[in-house]
Protein backbone atom coordinates (compact mmCIF):
# COMPACT_ATOMS: atom_id res chain seq x y z
CA MET A 1 1.54 11.36 -25.43
CA HIS A 2 4.47 9.12 -26.18
CA SER A 3 7.50 9.65 -23.97
CA LYS A 4 9.70 10.26 -27.04
CA THR A 5 7.33 13.00 -28.18
CA ALA A 6 7.41 14.56 -24.75
CA MET A 7 11.12 14.60 -24.58
CA GLN A 8 11.35 16.19 -28.02
CA LEU A 9 8.95 18.99 -26.86
CA ARG A 10 10.98 19.51 -23.73
CA LYS A 11 14.14 19.96 -25.83
CA HIS A 12 12.20 22.34 -28.17
CA VAL A 13 11.23 24.56 -25.19
CA ARG A 14 14.83 24.68 -23.83
CA ASP A 15 16.23 25.45 -27.30
CA PHE A 16 13.57 28.15 -27.84
CA TYR A 17 14.53 30.03 -24.66
CA ASN A 18 18.20 29.82 -25.39
CA SER A 19 17.63 31.24 -28.89
CA VAL A 20 15.69 34.26 -27.71
CA ALA A 21 17.61 34.89 -24.41
CA PRO A 22 18.43 38.60 -24.96
CA GLU A 23 14.99 39.50 -26.24
CA PHE A 24 13.33 37.47 -23.51
CA ASP A 25 15.41 39.32 -20.95
CA CYS A 26 14.23 42.65 -22.29
CA SER A 27 10.62 41.61 -22.23
CA ARG A 28 10.82 40.47 -18.61
CA GLN A 29 12.11 43.62 -16.91
CA ARG A 30 8.84 44.88 -15.56
CA LEU A 31 6.93 43.23 -12.78
CA TRP A 32 3.54 41.52 -13.40
CA ALA A 33 0.72 43.07 -11.56
CA ASP A 34 -0.39 39.46 -10.84
CA PHE A 35 2.51 39.16 -8.37
CA ASP A 36 0.39 41.26 -5.95
CA PHE A 37 -1.77 38.19 -5.43
CA PHE A 38 1.09 36.41 -3.72
CA THR A 39 2.10 39.23 -1.31
CA PRO A 40 -0.29 38.47 1.60
CA TYR A 41 0.99 34.81 1.76
CA LEU A 42 4.68 35.44 1.69
CA LYS A 43 6.86 34.12 4.48
CA GLN A 44 9.02 36.44 6.41
CA ASN A 45 12.04 34.25 6.31
CA GLY A 46 13.56 31.00 4.98
CA GLN A 47 14.71 29.51 1.62
CA ILE A 48 13.13 30.71 -1.53
CA LEU A 49 13.31 28.25 -4.45
CA ASP A 50 12.46 29.87 -7.81
CA ILE A 51 11.94 27.08 -10.41
CA GLY A 52 12.08 28.42 -13.98
CA CYS A 53 13.53 31.61 -12.73
CA GLY A 54 14.43 33.10 -16.10
CA ASN A 55 16.36 36.33 -15.70
CA GLY A 56 15.60 36.49 -11.95
CA ARG A 57 12.92 39.10 -12.14
CA LEU A 58 11.22 37.64 -9.06
CA LEU A 59 14.01 39.16 -7.03
CA ASN A 60 12.83 42.62 -8.07
CA TYR A 61 9.42 41.74 -6.71
CA PHE A 62 10.88 40.66 -3.36
CA PHE A 63 12.86 43.84 -3.12
CA THR A 64 9.62 45.87 -3.40
CA ILE A 65 8.23 43.87 -0.37
CA PHE A 66 11.33 43.40 1.75
CA PRO A 67 14.21 45.84 2.33
CA LYS A 68 17.40 44.40 0.88
CA GLN A 69 19.00 44.34 4.38
CA GLN A 70 16.06 42.23 5.74
CA PHE A 71 16.14 39.97 2.65
CA ASN A 72 19.90 39.35 3.00
CA LYS A 73 19.64 38.66 6.67
CA LYS A 74 16.61 36.35 6.85
CA MET A 75 16.21 34.84 3.37
CA THR A 76 18.16 32.82 0.81
CA TYR A 77 17.27 32.65 -2.89
CA LEU A 78 18.07 29.94 -5.37
CA GLY A 79 16.96 30.40 -8.94
CA ILE A 80 16.78 27.22 -11.14
CA ASP A 81 16.47 27.23 -14.97
CA ASN A 82 17.47 24.86 -17.71
CA SER A 83 18.52 27.70 -20.10
CA LYS A 84 22.18 28.51 -19.74
CA LYS A 85 21.94 31.76 -21.72
CA ILE A 86 19.16 33.22 -19.65
CA LEU A 87 20.83 32.18 -16.41
CA ASN A 88 23.96 33.98 -17.46
CA LEU A 89 21.84 37.10 -17.92
CA ALA A 90 20.29 36.62 -14.52
CA LYS A 91 23.70 36.35 -12.83
CA LYS A 92 24.83 39.62 -14.36
CA GLN A 93 21.71 41.50 -13.09
CA HIS A 94 21.48 40.00 -9.64
CA SER A 95 24.13 39.29 -7.04
CA GLY A 96 24.30 38.98 -3.30
CA LEU A 97 25.49 36.94 -0.45
CA ASN A 98 22.28 34.88 -0.27
CA ILE A 99 21.45 34.90 -3.94
CA ASN A 100 22.34 31.94 -6.16
CA PHE A 101 21.47 30.65 -9.62
CA LYS A 102 21.91 27.11 -10.80
CA GLU A 103 21.19 25.24 -14.03
CA GLY A 104 18.64 22.55 -13.35
CA ASP A 105 15.40 20.82 -14.26
CA ILE A 106 12.11 20.73 -12.45
CA LEU A 107 11.93 17.03 -13.23
CA ASN A 108 15.13 16.34 -11.51
CA LEU A 109 15.62 18.41 -8.30
CA ASN A 110 18.39 17.13 -6.00
CA PHE A 111 18.05 19.23 -2.92
CA ASN A 112 17.56 18.66 0.76
CA LYS A 113 14.01 17.25 1.23
CA ARG A 114 11.49 19.63 2.73
CA SER A 115 14.12 22.46 2.84
CA SER A 116 12.24 25.37 1.08
CA LYS A 117 9.81 27.71 2.82
CA MET A 118 8.60 29.28 -0.42
CA ILE A 119 8.60 27.69 -3.89
CA PHE A 120 7.75 29.71 -6.89
CA SER A 121 6.86 28.34 -10.26
CA ILE A 122 6.05 31.24 -12.56
CA ALA A 123 4.88 30.50 -16.05
CA LEU A 124 6.57 27.09 -16.19
CA LEU A 125 4.20 24.21 -15.78
CA HIS A 126 2.35 24.87 -19.05
CA HIS A 127 5.66 24.22 -20.88
CA LEU A 128 5.66 20.57 -19.65
CA PRO A 129 4.11 18.12 -22.09
CA SER A 130 2.27 14.96 -20.96
CA ARG A 131 0.32 14.43 -17.67
CA GLN A 132 2.99 12.24 -16.18
CA LEU A 133 5.67 14.93 -16.53
CA GLN A 134 3.41 17.55 -15.10
CA LEU A 135 2.61 15.34 -12.15
CA THR A 136 6.21 14.41 -11.62
CA ALA A 137 7.18 18.14 -11.55
CA LEU A 138 4.62 19.00 -9.00
CA GLN A 139 5.46 16.07 -6.83
CA ASN A 140 9.18 17.16 -6.98
CA LEU A 141 8.08 20.56 -5.76
CA GLN A 142 6.05 19.06 -3.00
CA ASN A 143 8.96 16.93 -1.83
CA ASN A 144 11.24 19.97 -1.59
CA LEU A 145 8.70 22.20 0.21
CA ASP A 146 8.89 22.51 4.02
CA LYS A 147 5.77 21.11 5.72
CA ASP A 148 4.74 24.65 6.61
CA GLY A 149 5.80 26.15 3.35
CA TYR A 150 3.87 27.50 0.40
CA LEU A 151 3.90 26.91 -3.41
CA TYR A 152 3.28 30.08 -5.49
CA LEU A 153 2.16 28.98 -8.94
CA SER A 154 1.17 30.82 -12.06
CA VAL A 155 0.09 29.04 -15.22
CA TRP A 156 -1.10 30.68 -18.48
CA ASN A 157 -4.79 30.72 -19.14
CA LEU A 158 -4.86 30.10 -22.92
CA PHE A 159 -8.66 29.82 -23.13
CA GLN A 160 -9.00 33.18 -24.80
CA TRP A 161 -10.32 34.10 -28.28
CA ARG A 162 -7.01 35.04 -29.62
CA TYR A 163 -5.75 31.51 -29.21
CA VAL A 164 -8.67 29.85 -31.03
CA PRO A 165 -6.62 29.44 -34.30
CA TYR A 166 -3.99 27.48 -32.39
CA PHE A 167 -6.55 25.25 -30.79
CA ILE A 168 -7.92 24.41 -34.28
CA LYS A 169 -4.39 23.45 -35.42
CA ALA A 170 -3.95 21.32 -32.31
CA VAL A 171 -7.15 19.50 -32.95
CA LEU A 172 -6.06 18.69 -36.45
CA LYS A 173 -2.61 17.61 -35.30
CA SER A 174 -4.26 15.33 -32.69
CA ILE A 175 -6.22 13.63 -35.42
CA LEU A 176 -3.21 13.31 -37.80
CA THR A 177 -0.96 11.88 -35.08
CA PHE A 178 -3.59 9.41 -33.75
CA ASN A 179 -3.82 11.26 -30.42
CA ASP A 180 -0.05 11.39 -29.79
CA TYR A 181 -0.72 15.09 -29.41
CA SER A 182 -3.89 16.34 -27.70
CA TRP A 183 -6.11 19.25 -28.55
CA GLN A 184 -4.54 21.06 -25.59
CA ASP A 185 -0.93 20.77 -27.01
CA LEU A 186 -0.54 24.22 -28.61
CA LYS A 187 2.21 25.96 -30.53
CA ILE A 188 2.11 29.69 -29.68
CA PRO A 189 4.00 32.34 -31.70
CA TRP A 190 6.55 34.58 -29.93
CA GLY A 191 8.08 37.87 -31.20
CA LYS A 192 6.79 40.45 -33.68
CA LYS A 193 9.21 40.46 -36.60
CA ASN A 194 10.91 37.07 -36.67
CA LYS A 195 8.18 34.86 -35.09
CA LYS A 196 9.28 31.77 -33.28
CA TRP A 197 7.09 28.98 -31.94
CA ARG A 198 6.97 27.59 -28.42
CA TYR A 199 5.05 24.69 -26.98
CA CYS A 200 2.41 25.33 -24.37
CA TYR A 201 -0.15 23.07 -22.74
CA ALA A 202 -3.55 24.71 -22.28
CA PHE A 203 -4.65 23.92 -18.77
CA ARG A 204 -8.27 24.20 -17.76
CA TYR A 205 -8.90 25.71 -14.30
CA LEU A 206 -10.38 22.64 -12.65
CA GLU A 207 -7.88 20.31 -14.31
CA LEU A 208 -4.99 22.22 -12.71
CA HIS A 209 -6.73 22.11 -9.28
CA LYS A 210 -7.15 18.31 -9.53
CA LEU A 211 -3.49 17.82 -10.69
CA LEU A 212 -2.33 19.79 -7.61
CA GLU A 213 -4.39 17.74 -5.31
CA LYS A 214 -3.12 14.51 -6.89
CA ALA A 215 0.43 15.74 -6.24
CA GLY A 216 -0.27 16.22 -2.61
CA PHE A 217 -1.18 19.86 -2.36
CA GLU A 218 -3.99 21.63 -0.64
CA ILE A 219 -5.11 24.77 -2.42
CA MET A 220 -5.38 27.77 -0.03
CA ALA A 221 -6.29 30.52 -2.55
CA SER A 222 -6.63 30.85 -6.26
CA GLN A 223 -7.58 33.51 -8.79
CA THR A 224 -7.98 33.74 -12.55
CA THR A 225 -6.75 36.90 -14.15
CA LYS A 226 -6.90 37.99 -17.78
CA GLY A 227 -3.95 35.76 -18.78
CA ASN A 228 -3.06 33.62 -15.82
CA TYR A 229 -4.26 31.08 -13.25
CA LEU A 230 -2.74 32.05 -9.83
CA ILE A 231 -2.62 29.59 -7.08
CA ILE A 232 -1.35 29.41 -3.49
CA ALA A 233 -0.91 25.84 -2.18
CA ARG A 234 0.68 23.98 0.61
CA PRO A 235 1.31 20.32 1.37
CA PHE A 236 -2.00 18.63 2.05
CA LEU A 237 -0.82 17.05 5.35
CA ALA A 238 0.68 20.17 6.70
CA SER A 239 -2.66 21.63 7.63
CA ARG A 240 -3.87 18.56 9.49
CA GLY A 241 -1.16 17.21 11.72
CA THR A 242 0.77 17.71 14.90
CA THR A 243 4.12 16.98 16.42
CA ILE A 244 4.47 14.72 19.49
CA LEU A 245 7.84 14.57 21.28
CA GLY A 246 9.52 15.58 18.11
CA VAL A 247 7.78 13.18 15.82
CA ASP A 248 5.49 14.49 13.11
CA ILE A 249 2.01 12.89 12.87
CA ASP A 250 -0.27 13.28 9.84
CA GLY A 251 -3.92 14.06 10.64
CA ILE A 252 -5.76 11.87 8.20
CA THR A 253 -8.44 9.23 8.08
CA LEU A 254 -8.00 5.65 6.77
CA ASP A 255 -9.66 6.48 3.43
CA GLU A 256 -7.51 9.53 2.90
CA ALA A 257 -4.42 7.51 3.69
CA VAL A 258 -5.33 4.99 1.07
CA LYS A 259 -5.76 7.77 -1.50
CA ILE A 260 -2.42 9.24 -0.63
CA VAL A 261 -0.62 5.88 -0.94
CA HIS A 262 -2.35 5.44 -4.29
CA ASN A 263 -0.90 8.79 -5.46
CA LEU A 264 2.59 7.87 -4.04
CA HIS A 265 2.48 4.58 -5.94
CA ASN A 266 1.77 6.48 -9.18
CA SER A 267 4.61 9.02 -8.55
CA ALA A 268 8.03 8.99 -10.12
CA SER A 269 9.90 8.74 -6.78
CA GLN A 270 10.15 6.30 -3.96
CA HIS A 271 8.36 6.62 -0.58
CA TYR A 272 7.85 4.97 2.71
CA VAL A 273 5.12 5.02 5.30
CA VAL A 274 5.52 4.70 9.10
CA THR A 275 2.95 4.00 11.86
CA PRO A 276 3.98 5.81 15.00
CA ASN A 277 2.31 4.57 18.23
CA PRO A 278 3.29 5.59 21.79
CA GLU A 279 5.98 2.97 22.10
CA ILE A 280 7.58 4.07 18.79
CA ILE A 281 7.49 7.73 19.81
CA LEU A 282 9.22 6.94 23.18
CA LYS A 283 11.99 5.17 21.20
CA ALA A 284 12.26 8.09 18.84
CA ALA A 285 12.55 10.55 21.78
CA LYS A 286 15.75 8.73 22.84
CA SER A 287 17.13 8.36 19.33
CA PRO A 288 17.62 11.38 17.11
CA SER A 289 18.63 9.18 14.09
CA TYR A 290 15.38 7.23 14.48
CA ARG A 291 13.40 10.42 14.82
CA ILE A 292 14.78 11.67 11.53
CA ILE A 293 13.91 8.40 9.76
CA LEU A 294 10.21 8.70 10.97
CA ASN A 295 9.98 12.41 10.14
CA ASN A 296 11.36 11.80 6.62
CA ALA A 297 8.54 9.37 5.76
CA SER A 298 6.02 10.45 3.13
CA LEU A 299 3.16 9.42 5.40
CA LYS A 300 3.03 9.08 9.23
CA ILE A 301 -0.26 7.58 10.36
CA PRO A 302 -1.53 7.85 14.00
CA ASP A 303 -1.41 4.17 15.07
CA GLY A 304 -2.70 4.14 18.61
CA ILE A 305 -5.41 5.82 20.62
CA GLY A 306 -2.70 7.23 22.87
CA ILE A 307 -1.54 9.20 19.89
CA ILE A 308 -4.98 10.79 19.48
CA TRP A 309 -5.06 11.62 23.18
CA ALA A 310 -1.62 13.19 23.13
CA ALA A 311 -2.43 15.30 20.10
CA SER A 312 -5.00 17.06 22.12
CA LEU A 313 -2.43 18.13 24.78
CA VAL A 314 0.85 18.94 23.08
CA LYS A 315 0.02 22.54 22.35
CA ILE A 316 -0.92 23.29 25.94
CA LYS A 317 2.01 25.04 27.64
CA LEU A 318 0.98 24.74 31.33
CA ARG A 319 1.57 21.38 32.93
CA PHE A 320 -1.37 21.78 35.33
CA LEU A 321 -3.73 22.34 32.49
CA ARG A 322 -2.26 19.41 30.49
CA LEU A 323 -2.77 17.21 33.53
CA ILE A 324 -6.45 18.22 33.90
CA LYS A 325 -7.15 17.85 30.19
CA GLY A 326 -5.22 14.63 30.04
CA ILE A 327 -7.39 13.09 32.81
CA LEU A 328 -10.61 14.33 31.18
CA GLY A 329 -9.28 13.01 27.85
CA PHE A 330 -8.97 9.44 29.26
CA PHE A 331 -12.53 9.78 30.58
CA PHE A 332 -13.85 10.81 27.23
CA LEU A 333 -12.03 7.99 25.53
CA LEU A 334 -13.85 5.48 27.69
CA ILE A 335 -17.10 6.98 26.40
CA THR A 336 -16.28 7.68 22.79
CA SER A 337 -13.15 8.88 21.06
CA GLU A 338 -15.24 11.16 18.98
CA ARG A 339 -15.69 13.47 21.96
CA LEU A 340 -11.94 13.95 22.36
CA HIS A 341 -11.05 17.20 20.69
CA SER A 342 -7.75 16.44 18.93
CA ALA A 343 -5.62 17.61 16.04
CA LEU A 344 -6.04 14.19 14.53
CA PRO A 345 -9.35 13.03 13.12
CA GLU A 346 -9.03 9.35 13.81
CA ARG A 347 -6.83 6.47 14.69
CA VAL A 348 -5.37 4.62 11.67
CA THR A 349 -3.82 1.33 12.50
CA GLY A 350 -1.11 -0.22 10.40
CA VAL A 351 -3.05 -3.51 10.04
CA ASP A 352 -6.13 -1.60 8.78
CA LEU A 353 -4.16 0.42 6.31
CA MET A 354 -2.28 -2.63 5.03
CA GLU A 355 -5.49 -4.67 4.54
CA LYS A 356 -7.25 -1.89 2.76
CA ILE A 357 -4.38 -1.03 0.50
CA ILE A 358 -3.78 -4.67 -0.51
CA HIS A 359 -7.45 -5.28 -1.33
CA GLN A 360 -7.60 -2.06 -3.43
CA SER A 361 -4.25 -2.32 -5.13
CA TYR A 362 -5.35 -4.49 -8.14
CA PRO A 363 -6.58 -1.50 -10.24
CA TRP A 364 -3.29 0.29 -9.38
CA LYS A 365 -1.34 -2.58 -11.07
CA ALA A 366 0.59 -2.96 -7.98
CA LYS A 367 2.61 -6.04 -6.98
CA ILE A 368 3.04 -6.84 -3.31
CA PHE A 369 5.90 -8.37 -1.35
CA LEU A 370 5.51 -9.41 2.37
CA LEU A 371 8.72 -9.36 4.43
CA GLY A 372 9.21 -10.35 8.02
CA ALA A 373 7.44 -11.96 10.92
CA ALA A 374 8.16 -15.56 12.03
CA PRO A 375 8.80 -18.25 9.33
CA GLY A 376 5.54 -19.26 7.67
CA VAL A 377 3.44 -16.25 8.82
CA ALA A 378 3.75 -14.15 5.63
CA GLU A 379 2.91 -17.24 3.61
CA LYS A 380 -0.35 -17.67 5.58
CA VAL A 381 -1.20 -14.06 4.90
CA ALA A 382 -0.52 -14.63 1.16
CA GLN A 383 -2.70 -17.78 1.18
CA LYS A 384 -5.54 -15.99 3.01
CA TRP A 385 -5.36 -13.13 0.47
CA ARG A 386 -4.51 -15.34 -2.49
CA LEU A 387 -6.78 -13.37 -4.89
CA ASP A 388 -4.68 -10.29 -4.34
CA LYS A 389 -1.48 -9.60 -6.31
CA ILE A 390 1.00 -10.89 -3.69
CA VAL A 391 4.18 -11.73 -5.72
CA GLY A 392 6.56 -12.81 -2.93
CA THR A 393 6.96 -13.52 0.79
CA PHE A 394 10.00 -14.07 2.99
CA SER A 395 10.46 -14.04 6.82
CA GLY A 396 14.02 -12.84 6.59
CA SER A 397 15.67 -10.76 9.34
CA PRO A 398 16.70 -7.13 9.80
CA HIS A 399 20.36 -8.04 10.14
CA VAL A 400 22.70 -6.26 7.61
CA ARG A 401 24.27 -9.63 6.74
CA ASP A 402 20.93 -10.81 5.18
CA GLU A 403 20.12 -7.59 3.25
CA LYS A 404 21.73 -8.68 -0.05
CA LYS A 405 19.66 -11.92 -0.33
CA ILE A 406 16.44 -10.19 0.66
CA ILE A 407 16.99 -7.35 -1.85
CA GLN A 408 17.68 -9.80 -4.64
CA LEU A 409 14.37 -11.67 -3.81
CA ILE A 410 12.33 -8.48 -3.85
CA ASN A 411 13.86 -7.06 -7.02
CA LYS A 412 13.40 -10.37 -8.78
CA SER A 413 9.72 -10.46 -7.77
CA GLY A 414 8.95 -7.18 -9.57
CA ALA A 415 7.13 -5.93 -6.42
CA THR A 416 6.05 -2.25 -6.26
CA LEU A 417 4.65 -2.28 -2.71
CA LEU A 418 6.54 -3.67 0.24
CA PHE A 419 5.30 -4.47 3.73
CA VAL A 420 8.03 -5.01 6.34
CA ALA A 421 7.08 -6.58 9.60
CA PHE A 422 10.40 -6.63 11.59
CA GLY A 423 9.00 -4.52 14.42
CA ALA A 424 10.05 -0.96 15.41
CA PRO A 425 12.67 0.45 15.15
CA LYS A 426 14.37 -2.23 13.06
CA GLN A 427 11.85 -2.20 10.21
CA GLU A 428 11.99 1.56 9.67
CA GLU A 429 15.79 1.52 9.80
CA TRP A 430 15.89 -1.35 7.32
CA ILE A 431 13.65 0.53 4.93
CA ALA A 432 15.72 3.75 5.24
CA ARG A 433 18.90 1.81 4.49
CA ASN A 434 17.67 -0.21 1.64
CA LEU A 435 14.84 1.51 -0.26
CA LYS A 436 17.07 2.96 -2.94
CA LYS A 437 18.49 -0.55 -3.63
CA MET A 438 15.06 -1.65 -4.71
CA PRO A 439 14.25 0.72 -7.57
CA LEU A 440 10.89 -0.97 -8.48
CA ILE A 441 9.49 -0.40 -4.98
CA LYS A 442 7.30 2.74 -5.02
CA VAL A 443 6.09 2.55 -1.44
CA ALA A 444 7.40 0.59 1.57
CA PHE A 445 5.61 0.21 4.86
CA GLY A 446 6.70 -0.67 8.40
CA VAL A 447 3.74 -2.58 9.70
CA GLY A 448 5.01 -4.29 13.03
CA GLY A 449 2.83 -7.17 14.04
CA ALA A 450 0.19 -6.72 11.27
CA PHE A 451 1.09 -10.16 9.66
CA ASP A 452 0.38 -11.98 12.88
CA PHE A 453 -3.08 -10.46 13.16
CA VAL A 454 -4.00 -11.27 9.52
CA ALA A 455 -2.61 -14.89 9.76
CA GLY A 456 -4.47 -15.49 12.94
CA ILE A 457 -1.37 -16.00 15.05
CA SER A 458 -2.56 -13.15 17.36
CA GLN A 459 -6.25 -12.35 17.97
CA ARG A 460 -7.25 -8.72 17.54
CA ALA A 461 -9.51 -7.17 20.14
CA PRO A 462 -13.33 -7.03 19.32
CA LEU A 463 -14.38 -3.89 17.64
CA TRP A 464 -16.19 -2.51 20.69
CA ILE A 465 -12.92 -2.79 22.70
CA GLN A 466 -10.97 -1.02 19.89
CA LYS A 467 -13.49 1.85 19.92
CA LEU A 468 -13.10 2.31 23.63
CA GLY A 469 -9.31 2.60 23.14
CA LEU A 470 -8.71 -0.49 25.35
CA GLU A 471 -7.03 -2.75 22.76
CA TRP A 472 -3.85 -2.58 24.93
CA ALA A 473 -5.75 -4.36 27.72
CA TRP A 474 -6.92 -7.04 25.36
CA ARG A 475 -3.39 -7.61 24.09
CA LEU A 476 -2.09 -7.84 27.64
CA SER A 477 -4.69 -10.49 28.45
CA GLN A 478 -3.58 -12.49 25.32
CA GLU A 479 0.12 -11.94 25.72
CA PRO A 480 1.21 -11.22 29.36
CA ARG A 481 4.81 -11.08 28.29
CA ARG A 482 4.00 -7.67 26.70
CA ILE A 483 3.65 -6.11 30.15
CA LYS A 484 6.77 -3.88 29.67
CA ARG A 485 5.57 -2.62 26.36
CA ILE A 486 2.06 -2.00 27.66
CA TRP A 487 3.56 -0.14 30.65
CA ASN A 488 5.48 2.11 28.30
CA ALA A 489 2.37 2.88 26.16
CA THR A 490 -0.18 3.38 28.92
CA ILE A 491 1.81 4.83 31.88
CA LYS A 492 5.23 6.14 30.81
CA PHE A 493 4.04 7.71 27.54
CA PRO A 494 1.14 9.70 29.21
CA LEU A 495 3.48 10.88 32.00
CA LYS A 496 6.04 12.02 29.44
CA ILE A 497 3.40 13.98 27.49
CA ILE A 498 1.88 15.61 30.59
CA PHE A 499 5.18 16.55 32.46
CA THR A 500 7.62 17.27 29.67
CA SER A 501 7.88 21.07 29.55
CA ASP A 502 8.71 21.18 25.84
CA ASN A 503 7.00 18.52 23.83
CA ILE A 504 8.60 19.62 20.57
CA HIS A 505 12.34 18.94 20.27
CA LYS A 506 12.63 18.45 16.50
CA ILE A 507 15.84 17.73 14.71
């Protein structure tokens, strides 16, 4: 569907609901029986974001589950809708200290990232034309959902006999408009006397599931009723991760990380990826601002065998048990990391992720810029990978005085993927300061010394040493000057994990 057509349909939907606001309000006074499906998954506190809130009838549902006193004490409600007239009706019917309504659009949500414990989207998604707008909407919801929060979604199931005539019309319109419209773009009548038409996209059940997964959701439960698809979902990474000394780590494999980056590259917003290792986590433990930067990343890969080891310990409360399991954990790592029971499935290094992403990025139509390392190193990487779409390199520096020149180079190159090798914490701080100044960049990565490995400046440990988790010993033998950093990663970090009474001091 052409973007102009999609925008026209969006306006049509908004105008439709403004034109029928009083009648629509009257038809939405009773609760749907389908709401009962959500009840077992409701959170007991936190912010509720109701996107496409209409006349606020979801509040009536909440008041049947939670006493008003408990609701007002533990929850906040924000209803968002793009129909002014319906919002005015909602405000007249519902008021309270923690109840607010605001005009807004699911395609442009400007709230605190990861702030909502519960996001409801009731009978809204099917009013969005085009796959890109649908995906953008879901990604916006995912970006505003707390990592432990849930999405409660209902979408109309239009694959019923009574809608067959409208499917036939949609097929004919698809042919006449040369596929500008699809056979799933329906116009459904509303009202009994003076019928009006509203746009609806006819989702198929599996199609909706795949779209949610592409937007970064994991589906926990789903059900098809007579008229609706009902889905409970949560952020995919929330179910497979841990927190180490206040830093969130995503529990993913290398292949899963590449798929996630692909989806991030196709999204409508900007993202950055960080690669926490023991040394980075120690720095973050001392710096609240750096910890916030790491935790705000869209993807936080476990770069370091020490991270895998620590993830198996952080939920153990007793220090003595942590000590015993920590010692056993080191023993198992010397045999095989697969025997170490951890919240994280495998180690994912920054250099492995960078290499795989660059080599697979051509079908994504991605353009790559390499920033950082010593003069000439990035150029060697580009020459080695000359068949990949690398559009620019620059050694640069993380100093603020050099930012304007670097940003101009990156913007001029047209790059959509940016790899920054300034070392931690400078590279992450640089990305956090400057990402918005580079609007074409979809995903930025902090990759430390990855350029040196690819260019052959530093020799990476043999694979068998990597599997034993002894890459730190190899690097020490190659670069004795790293002794302080190795000490932090292999001695200071394990002691911190074992003997810190509270390993989670998030900000």
